[in-house]
């Protein structure tokens, strides 16, 4: 995601999704034209709907979105801060703040995915179905349904494999 800053330090993101719940170090927020006279460091202040605020340092014009930032689905408020260090101390003074812009933390699908069967497992299952139908061990209605639905498709798939 890119956030563009104009000469008046007005921030405008090119996307509104900060990330998805559960992502970890997969996205960057890049700040374009991040320079302001008198400022020597920048950060992004993120405020959540429950009032919690994170101040994320912006280094080399970007920061990486971490899983702790993507706590749960919600809309967060963001603001870019330009700061100047006070010489001889660890303190800084605020030079300028950008406008407040909103970003979304989108939900993600929870749960463990089911494994996809391998090609060999699929063929094995299809062979067992064919055996049931050919040997007459499946009930007549079931055998008819399987034959009508699957056998033609299975033969086509095997012919092209």
Protein backbone atom coordinates (compact mmCIF):
# COMPACT_ATOMS: atom_id res chain seq x y z
CA UNK A 1 0.00 0.00 0.00
CA UNK A 2 1.19 3.51 -0.79
CA UNK A 3 0.32 6.64 1.13
CA UNK A 4 0.95 9.83 -0.82
CA UNK A 5 1.76 13.07 1.00
CA UNK A 6 1.45 16.42 -0.75
CA UNK A 7 3.28 19.67 0.03
CA UNK A 8 0.78 20.51 2.80
CA UNK A 9 1.40 17.10 4.42
CA UNK A 10 -2.05 15.82 3.43
CA UNK A 11 -1.98 12.01 3.32
CA UNK A 12 -3.97 9.98 0.83
CA UNK A 13 -3.72 6.15 0.70
CA UNK A 14 -4.08 4.33 -2.62
CA UNK A 15 -5.85 1.42 -0.91
CA UNK A 16 -8.00 1.16 2.17
CA UNK A 17 -7.06 -2.31 3.41
CA UNK A 18 -4.24 -2.28 5.96
CA UNK A 19 -4.28 -6.08 6.04
CA UNK A 20 -6.22 -9.18 7.03
CA UNK A 21 -6.50 -10.57 10.55
CA UNK A 22 -3.73 -13.12 11.10
CA UNK A 23 -1.29 -11.87 8.45
CA UNK A 24 2.27 -11.51 9.67
CA UNK A 25 4.94 -9.32 8.06
CA UNK A 26 3.37 -9.66 4.62
CA UNK A 27 2.54 -6.05 3.82
CA UNK A 28 4.35 -2.75 3.72
CA UNK A 29 2.94 0.71 4.00
CA UNK A 30 5.10 2.97 1.84
CA UNK A 31 5.00 6.73 2.29
CA UNK A 32 5.70 8.71 -0.87
CA UNK A 33 7.07 12.27 -0.64
CA UNK A 34 7.75 11.82 3.07
CA UNK A 35 9.93 14.84 3.71
CA UNK A 36 9.30 17.98 5.63
CA UNK A 37 11.72 20.77 6.47
CA UNK A 38 12.84 20.54 10.08
CA UNK A 39 11.80 16.90 10.55
CA UNK A 40 14.33 14.12 10.96
CA UNK A 41 12.05 11.20 11.85
CA UNK A 42 8.56 10.05 10.98
CA UNK A 43 5.99 7.71 12.45
CA UNK A 44 2.45 6.59 11.85
CA UNK A 45 -0.05 6.79 14.70
CA UNK A 46 -2.74 4.09 14.50
CA UNK A 47 -5.83 4.31 16.70
CA UNK A 48 -8.15 1.32 17.13
CA UNK A 49 -11.88 1.40 17.87
CA UNK A 50 -11.22 0.46 21.52
CA UNK A 51 -9.02 3.55 21.97
CA UNK A 52 -5.66 1.73 21.90
CA UNK A 53 -3.00 3.64 19.95
CA UNK A 54 0.23 2.36 18.37
CA UNK A 55 2.94 4.66 17.13
CA UNK A 56 4.85 2.82 14.43
CA UNK A 57 8.26 4.19 13.40
CA UNK A 58 8.59 4.85 9.67
CA UNK A 59 12.09 4.05 8.49
CA UNK A 60 13.30 4.44 4.91
CA UNK A 61 9.79 5.74 4.06
CA UNK A 62 7.93 2.54 5.04
CA UNK A 63 6.88 0.24 7.84
CA UNK A 64 5.98 -3.44 7.77
CA UNK A 65 2.52 -4.40 9.01
CA UNK A 66 2.81 -6.95 11.82
CA UNK A 67 0.26 -9.43 13.14
CA UNK A 68 -0.11 -7.45 16.36
CA UNK A 69 -1.41 -4.50 14.30
CA UNK A 70 -4.07 -6.70 12.71
CA UNK A 71 -5.82 -7.64 15.95
CA UNK A 72 -9.41 -7.99 14.73
CA UNK A 73 -11.59 -6.69 11.86
CA UNK A 74 -12.25 -2.98 12.25
CA UNK A 75 -11.64 0.46 10.81
CA UNK A 76 -8.58 2.19 12.25
CA UNK A 77 -7.63 5.85 12.18
CA UNK A 78 -4.13 6.71 10.98
CA UNK A 79 -2.05 9.88 11.06
CA UNK A 80 1.50 10.56 9.89
CA UNK A 81 3.72 12.42 12.37
CA UNK A 82 6.84 14.38 11.46
CA UNK A 83 9.24 14.88 14.39
CA UNK A 84 12.54 16.55 15.13
CA UNK A 85 14.98 15.26 17.72
CA UNK A 86 15.92 17.58 20.55
CA UNK A 87 19.71 17.54 20.59
CA UNK A 88 21.35 15.92 23.57
CA UNK A 89 18.19 14.04 24.63
CA UNK A 90 16.04 11.10 23.57
CA UNK A 91 13.07 13.46 23.29
CA UNK A 92 11.61 14.99 20.18
CA UNK A 93 9.29 17.78 19.25
CA UNK A 94 6.37 17.42 16.93
CA UNK A 95 6.89 19.31 13.68
CA UNK A 96 3.65 18.50 11.89
CA UNK A 97 0.76 16.01 11.74
CA UNK A 98 -0.99 14.86 8.61
CA UNK A 99 -4.72 14.62 8.22
CA UNK A 100 -6.43 11.58 9.75
CA UNK A 101 -7.25 8.85 7.25
CA UNK A 102 -9.00 5.54 7.79
CA UNK A 103 -7.84 2.05 6.88
CA UNK A 104 -9.60 -1.30 7.18
CA UNK A 105 -8.43 -4.44 8.91
CA UNK A 106 -10.36 -7.06 6.98
CA UNK A 107 -11.53 -10.40 8.39
CA UNK A 108 -10.01 -13.66 7.25
CA UNK A 109 -11.30 -17.21 7.12
CA UNK A 110 -10.77 -19.02 10.40
CA UNK A 111 -10.22 -22.74 10.92
CA UNK A 112 -7.93 -25.37 9.52
CA UNK A 113 -8.20 -26.09 5.81
CA UNK A 114 -9.00 -29.62 4.74
CA UNK A 115 -6.23 -31.29 2.76
CA UNK A 116 -6.76 -31.71 -0.96
CA UNK A 117 -6.42 -35.37 -1.98
CA UNK A 118 -3.51 -36.23 -4.22
CA UNK A 119 -4.06 -37.41 -7.77
CA UNK A 120 -3.32 -40.99 -6.70
CA UNK A 121 -5.83 -40.83 -3.82
CA UNK A 122 -8.50 -39.51 -6.17
CA UNK A 123 -7.87 -42.32 -8.67
CA UNK A 124 -8.02 -44.89 -5.86
CA UNK A 125 -11.40 -43.58 -4.70
CA UNK A 126 -12.74 -43.54 -8.24
CA UNK A 127 -11.53 -47.11 -8.79
CA UNK A 128 -13.36 -48.25 -5.63
CA UNK A 129 -16.55 -46.54 -6.83
CA UNK A 130 -16.24 -48.25 -10.22
CA UNK A 131 -15.75 -51.63 -8.46
CA UNK A 132 -18.92 -51.12 -6.42
CA UNK A 133 -20.89 -50.33 -9.55
CA UNK A 134 -19.38 -53.11 -11.71
CA UNK A 135 -19.71 -55.82 -9.02
CA UNK A 136 -23.27 -54.88 -8.23
CA UNK A 137 -22.45 -54.46 -4.51
CA UNK A 138 -23.86 -50.93 -4.47
CA UNK A 139 -27.62 -50.63 -4.28
CA UNK A 140 -29.24 -50.40 -7.72
CA UNK A 141 -30.35 -46.78 -7.25
CA UNK A 142 -26.92 -45.74 -5.97
CA UNK A 143 -25.18 -47.66 -8.73
CA UNK A 144 -27.34 -45.96 -11.34
CA UNK A 145 -26.65 -42.52 -9.92
CA UNK A 146 -22.91 -43.14 -9.73
CA UNK A 147 -22.79 -44.54 -13.24
CA UNK A 148 -24.84 -41.70 -14.68
CA UNK A 149 -22.97 -38.97 -12.83
CA UNK A 150 -19.39 -40.17 -12.59
CA UNK A 151 -18.43 -43.02 -14.86
CA UNK A 152 -18.46 -41.02 -18.09
CA UNK A 153 -16.47 -38.22 -16.49
CA UNK A 154 -13.99 -40.69 -14.97
CA UNK A 155 -13.39 -42.37 -18.32
CA UNK A 156 -12.81 -38.98 -19.98
CA UNK A 157 -10.37 -37.94 -17.25
CA UNK A 158 -8.46 -41.24 -17.44
CA UNK A 159 -8.28 -41.03 -21.24
CA UNK A 160 -6.71 -37.55 -21.08
CA UNK A 161 -4.38 -38.32 -18.13
